[in-house]
PDB file of N, CA and C in Angstrom:
ATOM      1  N   VAL A   1     103.533 111.728  88.214  1.00  0.00           N
ATOM      2  CA  VAL A   1     102.919 110.847  87.603  1.00  0.00           C
ATOM      3  C   VAL A   1     101.842 110.042  88.413  1.00  0.00           C
ATOM      4  N   GLN A   2     100.578 110.003  87.784  1.00  0.00           N
ATOM      5  CA  GLN A   2      99.484 109.309  88.363  1.00  0.00           C
ATOM      6  C   GLN A   2      99.512 107.856  88.172  1.00  0.00           C
ATOM      7  N   LEU A   3      99.228 106.969  89.196  1.00  0.00           N
ATOM      8  CA  LEU A   3      99.383 105.705  89.126  1.00  0.00           C
ATOM      9  C   LEU A   3      97.930 104.975  89.333  1.00  0.00           C
ATOM     10  N   GLN A   4      97.896 103.756  88.683  1.00  0.00           N
ATOM     11  CA  GLN A   4      96.750 102.844  88.828  1.00  0.00           C
ATOM     12  C   GLN A   4      97.147 101.551  89.216  1.00  0.00           C
ATOM     13  N   ALA A   5      96.816 101.064  90.389  1.00  0.00           N
ATOM     14  CA  ALA A   5      96.949  99.591  90.613  1.00  0.00           C
ATOM     15  C   ALA A   5      95.862  98.817  90.390  1.00  0.00           C
ATOM     16  N   SER A   6      95.969  97.456  89.773  1.00  0.00           N
ATOM     17  CA  SER A   6      95.059  96.679  89.642  1.00  0.00           C
ATOM     18  C   SER A   6      95.524  95.177  89.755  1.00  0.00           C
ATOM     19  N   GLY A   7      94.576  94.340  89.518  1.00  0.00           N
ATOM     20  CA  GLY A   7      94.961  92.916  89.588  1.00  0.00           C
ATOM     21  C   GLY A   7      94.763  92.069  90.836  1.00  0.00           C
ATOM     22  N   GLY A   8      94.285  92.754  92.000  1.00  0.00           N
ATOM     23  CA  GLY A   8      93.979  92.049  93.211  1.00  0.00           C
ATOM     24  C   GLY A   8      92.859  91.257  93.093  1.00  0.00           C
ATOM     25  N   GLY A   9      92.341  90.317  94.211  1.00  0.00           N
ATOM     26  CA  GLY A   9      91.435  89.363  94.319  1.00  0.00           C
ATOM     27  C   GLY A   9      91.568  88.519  95.317  1.00  0.00           C
ATOM     28  N   LEU A  10      90.718  87.589  95.249  1.00  0.00           N
ATOM     29  CA  LEU A  10      90.536  86.470  96.459  1.00  0.00           C
ATOM     30  C   LEU A  10      91.126  85.226  95.653  1.00  0.00           C
ATOM     31  N   VAL A  11      92.125  84.675  96.462  1.00  0.00           N
ATOM     32  CA  VAL A  11      92.779  83.467  95.945  1.00  0.00           C
ATOM     33  C   VAL A  11      92.991  82.631  97.201  1.00  0.00           C
ATOM     34  N   GLN A  12      93.113  81.123  96.846  1.00  0.00           N
ATOM     35  CA  GLN A  12      93.400  80.287  98.035  1.00  0.00           C
ATOM     36  C   GLN A  12      95.007  80.212  98.313  1.00  0.00           C
ATOM     37  N   ALA A  13      95.236  79.848  99.448  1.00  0.00           N
ATOM     38  CA  ALA A  13      96.580  79.583  99.739  1.00  0.00           C
ATOM     39  C   ALA A  13      97.447  78.708  98.720  1.00  0.00           C
ATOM     40  N   GLY A  14      98.543  79.122  98.424  1.00  0.00           N
ATOM     41  CA  GLY A  14      99.273  78.470  97.366  1.00  0.00           C
ATOM     42  C   GLY A  14      99.073  78.898  95.803  1.00  0.00           C
ATOM     43  N   GLY A  15      98.166  79.825  95.754  1.00  0.00           N
ATOM     44  CA  GLY A  15      97.778  80.281  94.464  1.00  0.00           C
ATOM     45  C   GLY A  15      98.648  81.437  93.883  1.00  0.00           C
ATOM     46  N   SER A  16      98.232  81.976  92.889  1.00  0.00           N
ATOM     47  CA  SER A  16      98.913  83.172  92.334  1.00  0.00           C
ATOM     48  C   SER A  16      97.994  84.496  91.928  1.00  0.00           C
ATOM     49  N   LEU A  17      98.686  85.462  91.846  1.00  0.00           N
ATOM     50  CA  LEU A  17      98.125  86.789  91.312  1.00  0.00           C
ATOM     51  C   LEU A  17      99.121  87.493  90.718  1.00  0.00           C
ATOM     52  N   ARG A  18      98.651  88.377  89.692  1.00  0.00           N
ATOM     53  CA  ARG A  18      99.621  89.354  89.085  1.00  0.00           C
ATOM     54  C   ARG A  18      99.088  90.800  89.115  1.00  0.00           C
ATOM     55  N   LEU A  19      99.741  91.602  89.972  1.00  0.00           N
ATOM     56  CA  LEU A  19      99.518  92.947  90.213  1.00  0.00           C
ATOM     57  C   LEU A  19      99.973  93.918  89.122  1.00  0.00           C
ATOM     58  N   SER A  20      99.466  94.786  88.600  1.00  0.00           N
ATOM     59  CA  SER A  20      99.742  95.672  87.749  1.00  0.00           C
ATOM     60  C   SER A  20      99.665  97.288  88.208  1.00  0.00           C
ATOM     61  N   CYS A  21     100.834  97.769  87.936  1.00  0.00           N
ATOM     62  CA  CYS A  21     100.805  99.421  88.177  1.00  0.00           C
ATOM     63  C   CYS A  21     101.162 100.185  86.958  1.00  0.00           C
ATOM     64  N   ALA A  22     100.036 100.885  86.564  1.00  0.00           N
ATOM     65  CA  ALA A  22     100.097 101.671  85.306  1.00  0.00           C
ATOM     66  C   ALA A  22     100.268 103.221  85.365  1.00  0.00           C
ATOM     67  N   ALA A  23     101.056 103.808  84.555  1.00  0.00           N
ATOM     68  CA  ALA A  23     101.119 105.281  84.802  1.00  0.00           C
ATOM     69  C   ALA A  23     100.286 105.970  83.803  1.00  0.00           C
ATOM     70  N   SER A  24      99.487 107.091  84.361  1.00  0.00           N
ATOM     71  CA  SER A  24      98.691 107.896  83.386  1.00  0.00           C
ATOM     72  C   SER A  24      99.320 109.187  83.215  1.00  0.00           C
ATOM     73  N   GLY A  25      98.976 109.815  82.199  1.00  0.00           N
ATOM     74  CA  GLY A  25      99.444 111.200  82.046  1.00  0.00           C
ATOM     75  C   GLY A  25     101.050 111.338  81.520  1.00  0.00           C
ATOM     76  N   ARG A  26     101.653 110.247  82.034  1.00  0.00           N
ATOM     77  CA  ARG A  26     103.091 110.178  81.496  1.00  0.00           C
ATOM     78  C   ARG A  26     103.601 108.750  81.695  1.00  0.00           C
ATOM     79  N   THR A  27     104.800 108.628  81.319  1.00  0.00           N
ATOM     80  CA  THR A  27     105.522 107.236  81.294  1.00  0.00           C
ATOM     81  C   THR A  27     106.234 107.096  82.515  1.00  0.00           C
ATOM     82  N   PHE A  28     106.641 105.866  82.876  1.00  0.00           N
ATOM     83  CA  PHE A  28     107.598 105.526  83.824  1.00  0.00           C
ATOM     84  C   PHE A  28     109.181 105.961  83.553  1.00  0.00           C
ATOM     85  N   SER A  29     109.406 106.751  82.418  1.00  0.00           N
ATOM     86  CA  SER A  29     110.696 106.982  82.175  1.00  0.00           C
ATOM     87  C   SER A  29     111.418 107.729  83.534  1.00  0.00           C
ATOM     88  N   GLY A  30     112.545 107.128  83.933  1.00  0.00           N
ATOM     89  CA  GLY A  30     113.252 107.657  84.886  1.00  0.00           C
ATOM     90  C   GLY A  30     112.826 107.505  86.316  1.00  0.00           C
ATOM     91  N   TYR A  31     111.756 106.632  86.508  1.00  0.00           N
ATOM     92  CA  TYR A  31     111.240 106.327  87.780  1.00  0.00           C
ATOM     93  C   TYR A  31     111.377 104.956  88.148  1.00  0.00           C
ATOM     94  N   ALA A  32     111.833 104.795  89.618  1.00  0.00           N
ATOM     95  CA  ALA A  32     111.893 103.606  90.171  1.00  0.00           C
ATOM     96  C   ALA A  32     110.241 103.473  90.764  1.00  0.00           C
ATOM     97  N   VAL A  33     109.924 102.050  90.862  1.00  0.00           N
ATOM     98  CA  VAL A  33     108.675 101.826  91.270  1.00  0.00           C
ATOM     99  C   VAL A  33     108.752 100.769  92.281  1.00  0.00           C
ATOM    100  N   GLY A  34     107.853 101.079  93.288  1.00  0.00           N
ATOM    101  CA  GLY A  34     107.760 100.147  94.547  1.00  0.00           C
ATOM    102  C   GLY A  34     106.329  99.622  94.676  1.00  0.00           C
ATOM    103  N   TRP A  35     106.372  98.499  95.327  1.00  0.00           N
ATOM    104  CA  TRP A  35     105.058  97.898  95.888  1.00  0.00           C
ATOM    105  C   TRP A  35     105.107  97.907  97.481  1.00  0.00           C
ATOM    106  N   PHE A  36     104.068  98.347  98.003  1.00  0.00           N
ATOM    107  CA  PHE A  36     103.892  98.305  99.561  1.00  0.00           C
ATOM    108  C   PHE A  36     102.512  97.609  99.782  1.00  0.00           C
ATOM    109  N   ARG A  37     102.301  97.110 100.891  1.00  0.00           N
ATOM    110  CA  ARG A  37     101.142  96.561 101.536  1.00  0.00           C
ATOM    111  C   ARG A  37     100.810  97.107 102.634  1.00  0.00           C
ATOM    112  N   GLN A  38      99.351  96.929 103.057  1.00  0.00           N
ATOM    113  CA  GLN A  38      98.903  97.297 104.346  1.00  0.00           C
ATOM    114  C   GLN A  38      97.900  96.483 104.731  1.00  0.00           C
ATOM    115  N   ALA A  39      98.017  95.516 105.749  1.00  0.00           N
ATOM    116  CA  ALA A  39      97.027  94.750 106.411  1.00  0.00           C
ATOM    117  C   ALA A  39      96.200  95.455 107.457  1.00  0.00           C
ATOM    118  N   PRO A  40      94.977  95.144 107.729  1.00  0.00           N
ATOM    119  CA  PRO A  40      94.246  95.765 108.624  1.00  0.00           C
ATOM    120  C   PRO A  40      94.874  95.861 110.118  1.00  0.00           C
ATOM    121  N   GLY A  41      94.935  97.152 110.641  1.00  0.00           N
ATOM    122  CA  GLY A  41      95.600  97.295 111.911  1.00  0.00           C
ATOM    123  C   GLY A  41      96.984  97.330 111.866  1.00  0.00           C
ATOM    124  N   LYS A  42      97.571  97.295 110.605  1.00  0.00           N
ATOM    125  CA  LYS A  42      99.008  97.314 110.780  1.00  0.00           C
ATOM    126  C   LYS A  42      99.745  98.535 109.748  1.00  0.00           C
ATOM    127  N   GLU A  43     100.854  98.770 110.027  1.00  0.00           N
ATOM    128  CA  GLU A  43     101.338 100.054 109.145  1.00  0.00           C
ATOM    129  C   GLU A  43     101.734  99.433 107.741  1.00  0.00           C
ATOM    130  N   ARG A  44     101.881 100.316 106.978  1.00  0.00           N
ATOM    131  CA  ARG A  44     102.019 100.010 105.541  1.00  0.00           C
ATOM    132  C   ARG A  44     103.644  99.602 105.506  1.00  0.00           C
ATOM    133  N   GLU A  45     103.892  98.583 104.718  1.00  0.00           N
ATOM    134  CA  GLU A  45     105.245  97.897 104.723  1.00  0.00           C
ATOM    135  C   GLU A  45     105.619  97.803 103.185  1.00  0.00           C
ATOM    136  N   PHE A  46     107.020  97.821 103.074  1.00  0.00           N
ATOM    137  CA  PHE A  46     107.715  97.669 101.899  1.00  0.00           C
ATOM    138  C   PHE A  46     107.523  96.190 101.399  1.00  0.00           C
ATOM    139  N   VAL A  47     107.237  96.031 100.141  1.00  0.00           N
ATOM    140  CA  VAL A  47     107.149  94.593  99.542  1.00  0.00           C
ATOM    141  C   VAL A  47     108.312  94.314  98.524  1.00  0.00           C
ATOM    142  N   ALA A  48     108.451  95.285  97.442  1.00  0.00           N
ATOM    143  CA  ALA A  48     109.513  95.094  96.453  1.00  0.00           C
ATOM    144  C   ALA A  48     109.691  96.428  95.727  1.00  0.00           C
ATOM    145  N   ALA A  49     110.815  96.557  95.190  1.00  0.00           N
ATOM    146  CA  ALA A  49     111.091  97.739  94.294  1.00  0.00           C
ATOM    147  C   ALA A  49     111.853  97.397  93.125  1.00  0.00           C
ATOM    148  N   ILE A  50     111.766  98.228  92.033  1.00  0.00           N
ATOM    149  CA  ILE A  50     112.476  98.070  90.848  1.00  0.00           C
ATOM    150  C   ILE A  50     112.989  99.250  90.434  1.00  0.00           C
ATOM    151  N   SER A  51     114.208  99.412  90.042  1.00  0.00           N
ATOM    152  CA  SER A  51     114.970 100.739  89.778  1.00  0.00           C
ATOM    153  C   SER A  51     114.755 101.062  88.166  1.00  0.00           C
ATOM    154  N   TRP A  52     114.894 102.104  87.855  1.00  0.00           N
ATOM    155  CA  TRP A  52     114.776 102.548  86.582  1.00  0.00           C
ATOM    156  C   TRP A  52     115.397 101.624  85.551  1.00  0.00           C
ATOM    157  N   ARG A  53     116.721 101.081  86.058  1.00  0.00           N
ATOM    158  CA  ARG A  53     117.709 100.402  85.140  1.00  0.00           C
ATOM    159  C   ARG A  53     117.343  98.935  85.321  1.00  0.00           C
ATOM    160  N   GLY A  54     116.368  98.625  86.279  1.00  0.00           N
ATOM    161  CA  GLY A  54     115.906  97.210  86.362  1.00  0.00           C
ATOM    162  C   GLY A  54     116.425  96.370  87.441  1.00  0.00           C
ATOM    163  N   SER A  55     117.291  97.075  88.346  1.00  0.00           N
ATOM    164  CA  SER A  55     117.570  96.360  89.658  1.00  0.00           C
ATOM    165  C   SER A  55     116.401  96.208  90.635  1.00  0.00           C
ATOM    166  N   THR A  56     116.334  95.080  91.336  1.00  0.00           N
ATOM    167  CA  THR A  56     115.156  94.606  92.146  1.00  0.00           C
ATOM    168  C   THR A  56     115.642  94.478  93.614  1.00  0.00           C
ATOM    169  N   TYR A  57     114.794  94.799  94.617  1.00  0.00           N
ATOM    170  CA  TYR A  57     114.856  94.298  95.899  1.00  0.00           C
ATOM    171  C   TYR A  57     113.559  94.014  96.577  1.00  0.00           C
ATOM    172  N   TYR A  58     113.710  92.957  97.440  1.00  0.00           N
ATOM    173  CA  TYR A  58     112.499  92.507  98.059  1.00  0.00           C
ATOM    174  C   TYR A  58     112.587  92.335  99.642  1.00  0.00           C
ATOM    175  N   THR A  59     111.488  92.400 100.218  1.00  0.00           N
ATOM    176  CA  THR A  59     111.531  92.198 101.741  1.00  0.00           C
ATOM    177  C   THR A  59     111.782  90.708 101.869  1.00  0.00           C
ATOM    178  N   ASP A  60     112.300  90.320 102.959  1.00  0.00           N
ATOM    179  CA  ASP A  60     112.719  89.024 103.122  1.00  0.00           C
ATOM    180  C   ASP A  60     111.476  87.996 103.151  1.00  0.00           C
ATOM    181  N   SER A  61     110.371  88.398 103.477  1.00  0.00           N
ATOM    182  CA  SER A  61     109.094  87.368 103.449  1.00  0.00           C
ATOM    183  C   SER A  61     108.577  87.126 102.122  1.00  0.00           C
ATOM    184  N   VAL A  62     108.898  87.837 101.094  1.00  0.00           N
ATOM    185  CA  VAL A  62     108.423  87.406  99.919  1.00  0.00           C
ATOM    186  C   VAL A  62     109.596  87.007  98.782  1.00  0.00           C
ATOM    187  N   LYS A  63     110.827  86.883  99.369  1.00  0.00           N
ATOM    188  CA  LYS A  63     111.926  86.576  98.471  1.00  0.00           C
ATOM    189  C   LYS A  63     111.475  85.152  97.977  1.00  0.00           C
ATOM    190  N   GLY A  64     111.818  84.874  96.568  1.00  0.00           N
ATOM    191  CA  GLY A  64     111.397  83.536  96.043  1.00  0.00           C
ATOM    192  C   GLY A  64     110.022  83.249  95.689  1.00  0.00           C
ATOM    193  N   ARG A  65     109.168  84.094  96.118  1.00  0.00           N
ATOM    194  CA  ARG A  65     107.761  84.079  95.819  1.00  0.00           C
ATOM    195  C   ARG A  65     107.185  85.051  94.955  1.00  0.00           C
ATOM    196  N   PHE A  66     107.777  86.302  95.116  1.00  0.00           N
ATOM    197  CA  PHE A  66     107.243  87.422  94.401  1.00  0.00           C
ATOM    198  C   PHE A  66     108.376  87.856  93.514  1.00  0.00           C
ATOM    199  N   THR A  67     107.854  88.351  92.234  1.00  0.00           N
ATOM    200  CA  THR A  67     108.755  88.900  91.195  1.00  0.00           C
ATOM    201  C   THR A  67     108.221  90.358  90.731  1.00  0.00           C
ATOM    202  N   ILE A  68     108.853  91.287  90.833  1.00  0.00           N
ATOM    203  CA  ILE A  68     108.627  92.598  90.305  1.00  0.00           C
ATOM    204  C   ILE A  68     109.408  92.779  88.933  1.00  0.00           C
ATOM    205  N   SER A  69     108.576  93.311  88.192  1.00  0.00           N
ATOM    206  CA  SER A  69     109.329  93.456  86.746  1.00  0.00           C
ATOM    207  C   SER A  69     108.841  94.556  85.831  1.00  0.00           C
ATOM    208  N   ARG A  70     109.563  94.918  84.996  1.00  0.00           N
ATOM    209  CA  ARG A  70     109.224  96.013  83.889  1.00  0.00           C
ATOM    210  C   ARG A  70     109.827  95.820  82.782  1.00  0.00           C
ATOM    211  N   ASP A  71     109.115  96.188  81.588  1.00  0.00           N
ATOM    212  CA  ASP A  71     109.617  95.973  80.155  1.00  0.00           C
ATOM    213  C   ASP A  71     110.325  97.248  79.777  1.00  0.00           C
ATOM    214  N   ASN A  72     109.615  98.310  79.851  1.00  0.00           N
ATOM    215  CA  ASN A  72     110.011  99.632  79.271  1.00  0.00           C
ATOM    216  C   ASN A  72     109.128 100.711  80.019  1.00  0.00           C
ATOM    217  N   ALA A  73     109.443 101.940  79.569  1.00  0.00           N
ATOM    218  CA  ALA A  73     108.913 102.862  80.288  1.00  0.00           C
ATOM    219  C   ALA A  73     107.405 103.099  80.023  1.00  0.00           C
ATOM    220  N   LYS A  74     106.966 102.479  78.846  1.00  0.00           N
ATOM    221  CA  LYS A  74     105.491 102.639  78.466  1.00  0.00           C
ATOM    222  C   LYS A  74     104.699 101.638  79.114  1.00  0.00           C
ATOM    223  N   GLU A  75     105.064 100.581  79.400  1.00  0.00           N
ATOM    224  CA  GLU A  75     104.228  99.441  80.038  1.00  0.00           C
ATOM    225  C   GLU A  75     104.223  99.487  81.524  1.00  0.00           C
ATOM    226  N   PRO A  76     103.077  98.782  82.055  1.00  0.00           N
ATOM    227  CA  PRO A  76     103.044  98.641  83.469  1.00  0.00           C
ATOM    228  C   PRO A  76     104.220  98.048  84.108  1.00  0.00           C
ATOM    229  N   VAL A  77     104.409  98.179  85.496  1.00  0.00           N
ATOM    230  CA  VAL A  77     105.290  97.617  86.407  1.00  0.00           C
ATOM    231  C   VAL A  77     104.341  96.505  87.003  1.00  0.00           C
ATOM    232  N   TYR A  78     104.892  95.061  86.927  1.00  0.00           N
ATOM    233  CA  TYR A  78     104.175  94.043  87.545  1.00  0.00           C
ATOM    234  C   TYR A  78     104.591  93.442  88.760  1.00  0.00           C
ATOM    235  N   LEU A  79     103.800  93.063  89.608  1.00  0.00           N
ATOM    236  CA  LEU A  79     104.211  92.244  90.710  1.00  0.00           C
ATOM    237  C   LEU A  79     103.596  90.959  90.674  1.00  0.00           C
ATOM    238  N   GLN A  80     104.464  89.768  90.097  1.00  0.00           N
ATOM    239  CA  GLN A  80     103.930  88.554  90.232  1.00  0.00           C
ATOM    240  C   GLN A  80     104.054  87.820  91.555  1.00  0.00           C
ATOM    241  N   MET A  81     102.919  87.356  92.036  1.00  0.00           N
ATOM    242  CA  MET A  81     102.856  86.782  93.486  1.00  0.00           C
ATOM    243  C   MET A  81     102.459  85.204  93.304  1.00  0.00           C
ATOM    244  N   ASN A  82     103.342  84.506  93.676  1.00  0.00           N
ATOM    245  CA  ASN A  82     103.181  83.066  93.703  1.00  0.00           C
ATOM    246  C   ASN A  82     103.196  82.406  95.107  1.00  0.00           C
ATOM    247  N   SER A  83     102.814  81.351  95.199  1.00  0.00           N
ATOM    248  CA  SER A  83     102.825  80.569  96.486  1.00  0.00           C
ATOM    249  C   SER A  83     102.265  81.576  97.786  1.00  0.00           C
ATOM    250  N   LEU A  84     101.078  82.106  97.312  1.00  0.00           N
ATOM    251  CA  LEU A  84     100.552  83.194  98.349  1.00  0.00           C
ATOM    252  C   LEU A  84     100.121  82.389  99.715  1.00  0.00           C
ATOM    253  N   LYS A  85     100.183  83.294 100.716  1.00  0.00           N
ATOM    254  CA  LYS A  85     100.012  82.797 101.996  1.00  0.00           C
ATOM    255  C   LYS A  85      98.978  83.592 102.652  1.00  0.00           C
ATOM    256  N   PRO A  86      98.200  83.220 103.541  1.00  0.00           N
ATOM    257  CA  PRO A  86      97.294  84.044 104.231  1.00  0.00           C
ATOM    258  C   PRO A  86      97.647  85.334 104.784  1.00  0.00           C
ATOM    259  N   GLU A  87      98.934  85.325 105.329  1.00  0.00           N
ATOM    260  CA  GLU A  87      99.613  86.369 105.741  1.00  0.00           C
ATOM    261  C   GLU A  87      99.970  87.639 104.694  1.00  0.00           C
ATOM    262  N   ASP A  88      99.903  87.227 103.493  1.00  0.00           N
ATOM    263  CA  ASP A  88     100.015  88.189 102.467  1.00  0.00           C
ATOM    264  C   ASP A  88      98.808  89.038 102.084  1.00  0.00           C
ATOM    265  N   THR A  89      97.679  88.678 102.896  1.00  0.00           N
ATOM    266  CA  THR A  89      96.522  89.395 102.770  1.00  0.00           C
ATOM    267  C   THR A  89      96.658  90.891 103.149  1.00  0.00           C
ATOM    268  N   ALA A  90      96.354  91.843 102.182  1.00  0.00           N
ATOM    269  CA  ALA A  90      96.468  93.060 102.668  1.00  0.00           C
ATOM    270  C   ALA A  90      95.857  94.063 101.419  1.00  0.00           C
ATOM    271  N   VAL A  91      95.974  95.263 101.336  1.00  0.00           N
ATOM    272  CA  VAL A  91      95.866  96.188 100.486  1.00  0.00           C
ATOM    273  C   VAL A  91      97.225  96.712  99.913  1.00  0.00           C
ATOM    274  N   TYR A  92      97.493  96.391  98.679  1.00  0.00           N
ATOM    275  CA  TYR A  92      98.707  96.529  97.862  1.00  0.00           C
ATOM    276  C   TYR A  92      98.719  97.980  97.178  1.00  0.00           C
ATOM    277  N   TYR A  93      99.696  98.696  97.421  1.00  0.00           N
ATOM    278  CA  TYR A  93      99.917  99.962  96.723  1.00  0.00           C
ATOM    279  C   TYR A  93     101.197 100.040  96.033  1.00  0.00           C
ATOM    280  N   CYS A  94     101.106 100.667  94.678  1.00  0.00           N
ATOM    281  CA  CYS A  94     102.122 100.913  94.117  1.00  0.00           C
ATOM    282  C   CYS A  94     102.637 102.326  94.291  1.00  0.00           C
ATOM    283  N   ALA A  95     103.871 102.787  94.056  1.00  0.00           N
ATOM    284  CA  ALA A  95     104.296 104.014  94.169  1.00  0.00           C
ATOM    285  C   ALA A  95     105.574 104.239  93.261  1.00  0.00           C
ATOM    286  N   ALA A  96     105.714 105.485  93.012  1.00  0.00           N
ATOM    287  CA  ALA A  96     106.835 105.869  92.141  1.00  0.00           C
ATOM    288  C   ALA A  96     107.776 106.907  92.600  1.00  0.00           C
ATOM    289  N   THR A  97     108.926 106.961  92.244  1.00  0.00           N
ATOM    290  CA  THR A  97     109.966 107.977  92.599  1.00  0.00           C
ATOM    291  C   THR A  97     111.071 108.152  91.745  1.00  0.00           C
ATOM    292  N   LYS A  98     111.416 109.355  91.626  1.00  0.00           N
ATOM    293  CA  LYS A  98     112.669 109.690  90.696  1.00  0.00           C
ATOM    294  C   LYS A  98     114.046 109.346  91.574  1.00  0.00           C
ATOM    295  N   ARG A  99     114.033 108.870  92.754  1.00  0.00           N
ATOM    296  CA  ARG A  99     115.232 108.588  93.483  1.00  0.00           C
ATOM    297  C   ARG A  99     115.941 107.485  92.609  1.00  0.00           C
ATOM    298  N   PHE A 100     117.167 107.428  92.851  1.00  0.00           N
ATOM    299  CA  PHE A 100     118.031 106.434  92.396  1.00  0.00           C
ATOM    300  C   PHE A 100     117.961 105.069  93.000  1.00  0.00           C
ATOM    301  N   GLY A 101     118.038 104.152  92.481  1.00  0.00           N
ATOM    302  CA  GLY A 101     118.219 102.696  93.031  1.00  0.00           C
ATOM    303  C   GLY A 101     116.906 102.069  93.173  1.00  0.00           C
ATOM    304  N   THR A 102     116.676 101.406  94.491  1.00  0.00           N
ATOM    305  CA  THR A 102     115.517 100.601  94.746  1.00  0.00           C
ATOM    306  C   THR A 102     114.823 101.173  96.235  1.00  0.00           C
ATOM    307  N   PRO A 103     114.311 102.276  96.212  1.00  0.00           N
ATOM    308  CA  PRO A 103     113.862 102.815  97.551  1.00  0.00           C
ATOM    309  C   PRO A 103     113.018 101.925  98.382  1.00  0.00           C
ATOM    310  N   ARG A 104     113.268 101.943  99.590  1.00  0.00           N
ATOM    311  CA  ARG A 104     112.467 100.932 100.476  1.00  0.00           C
ATOM    312  C   ARG A 104     111.559 101.672 101.422  1.00  0.00           C
ATOM    313  N   PHE A 105     111.632 103.000 101.572  1.00  0.00           N
ATOM    314  CA  PHE A 105     110.950 103.698 102.664  1.00  0.00           C
ATOM    315  C   PHE A 105     109.718 104.570 102.015  1.00  0.00           C
ATOM    316  N   LEU A 106     108.801 104.635 102.591  1.00  0.00           N
ATOM    317  CA  LEU A 106     107.439 105.412 102.254  1.00  0.00           C
ATOM    318  C   LEU A 106     107.788 106.897 101.873  1.00  0.00           C
ATOM    319  N   TYR A 107     108.528 107.463 102.606  1.00  0.00           N
ATOM    320  CA  TYR A 107     108.857 108.956 102.324  1.00  0.00           C
ATOM    321  C   TYR A 107     109.627 109.165 101.166  1.00  0.00           C
ATOM    322  N   GLU A 108     110.300 108.056 100.710  1.00  0.00           N
ATOM    323  CA  GLU A 108     111.098 108.171  99.500  1.00  0.00           C
ATOM    324  C   GLU A 108     110.183 108.196  98.231  1.00  0.00           C
ATOM    325  N   TYR A 109     108.959 107.996  98.286  1.00  0.00           N
ATOM    326  CA  TYR A 109     108.200 107.877  97.035  1.00  0.00           C
ATOM    327  C   TYR A 109     107.187 109.225  97.085  1.00  0.00           C
ATOM    328  N   ASP A 110     107.097 109.644  95.809  1.00  0.00           N
ATOM    329  CA  ASP A 110     106.309 110.906  95.600  1.00  0.00           C
ATOM    330  C   ASP A 110     104.809 110.777  95.117  1.00  0.00           C
ATOM    331  N   SER A 111     104.663 109.509  94.429  1.00  0.00           N
ATOM    332  CA  SER A 111     103.396 109.423  93.712  1.00  0.00           C
ATOM    333  C   SER A 111     102.924 108.093  94.244  1.00  0.00           C
ATOM    334  N   TRP A 112     101.570 107.799  94.576  1.00  0.00           N
ATOM    335  CA  TRP A 112     100.784 106.658  94.935  1.00  0.00           C
ATOM    336  C   TRP A 112      99.782 106.451  94.312  1.00  0.00           C
ATOM    337  N   GLY A 113      99.465 104.976  94.033  1.00  0.00           N
ATOM    338  CA  GLY A 113      98.158 104.533  93.471  1.00  0.00           C
ATOM    339  C   GLY A 113      97.260 104.479  94.347  1.00  0.00           C
ATOM    340  N   GLN A 114      96.104 103.883  94.171  1.00  0.00           N
ATOM    341  CA  GLN A 114      95.084 103.709  94.968  1.00  0.00           C
ATOM    342  C   GLN A 114      94.719 102.777  95.906  1.00  0.00           C
ATOM    343  N   GLY A 115      95.511 101.650  95.541  1.00  0.00           N
ATOM    344  CA  GLY A 115      95.593 100.383  96.249  1.00  0.00           C
ATOM    345  C   GLY A 115      94.551  99.345  95.571  1.00  0.00           C
ATOM    346  N   THR A 116      95.065  98.027  95.736  1.00  0.00           N
ATOM    347  CA  THR A 116      94.149  97.005  95.247  1.00  0.00           C
ATOM    348  C   THR A 116      94.293  95.892  96.557  1.00  0.00           C
ATOM    349  N   GLN A 117      93.049  95.120  96.737  1.00  0.00           N
ATOM    350  CA  GLN A 117      93.005  94.297  97.803  1.00  0.00           C
ATOM    351  C   GLN A 117      93.312  92.977  97.240  1.00  0.00           C
ATOM    352  N   VAL A 118      94.266  92.349  98.108  1.00  0.00           N
ATOM    353  CA  VAL A 118      94.677  90.879  97.894  1.00  0.00           C
ATOM    354  C   VAL A 118      94.333  90.213  99.102  1.00  0.00           C
ATOM    355  N   THR A 119      93.388  89.147  98.969  1.00  0.00           N
ATOM    356  CA  THR A 119      92.805  88.354  99.998  1.00  0.00           C
ATOM    357  C   THR A 119      93.151  86.842  99.674  1.00  0.00           C
ATOM    358  N   VAL A 120      94.123  86.221 100.665  1.00  0.00           N
ATOM    359  CA  VAL A 120      94.501  84.817 100.469  1.00  0.00           C
ATOM    360  C   VAL A 120      93.948  84.014 101.638  1.00  0.00           C
ATOM    361  N   SER A 121      92.977  83.094 101.101  1.00  0.00           N
ATOM    362  CA  SER A 121      92.158  82.294 102.125  1.00  0.00           C
ATOM    363  C   SER A 121      93.074  81.013 102.402  1.00  0.00           C
ATOM    364  N   SER A 122      92.822  80.530 103.668  1.00  0.00           N
ATOM    365  CA  SER A 122      93.429  79.185 104.083  1.00  0.00           C
ATOM    366  C   SER A 122      92.710  77.999 103.746  1.00  0.00           C
TER     367      SER A 122
END
């Protein structure tokens, strides 16, 4: 499945953004979807994942601030980001996999989007 991530931008600390991950060529039917981010000079890290059945998992640093959601196989997967902090600044990538549950490691994902920049100013 080909992925298209969008919705990034520049926001002040405390603000909100909603990222979208859309599938092209086919739907998200049967896929778990994850969001990862990569800050300059750092490794790509896990942010959140949602299983095909709707179970979610978050890294500790975003719990209570970010929400990953999906309505159905045809609609995008969203990452609602509230109470943003400067340390959330990164390129955000969405990824998809047929693996069961909420995979949290890069190697578990087969398809990746191109990334969208999120910059949070202090």
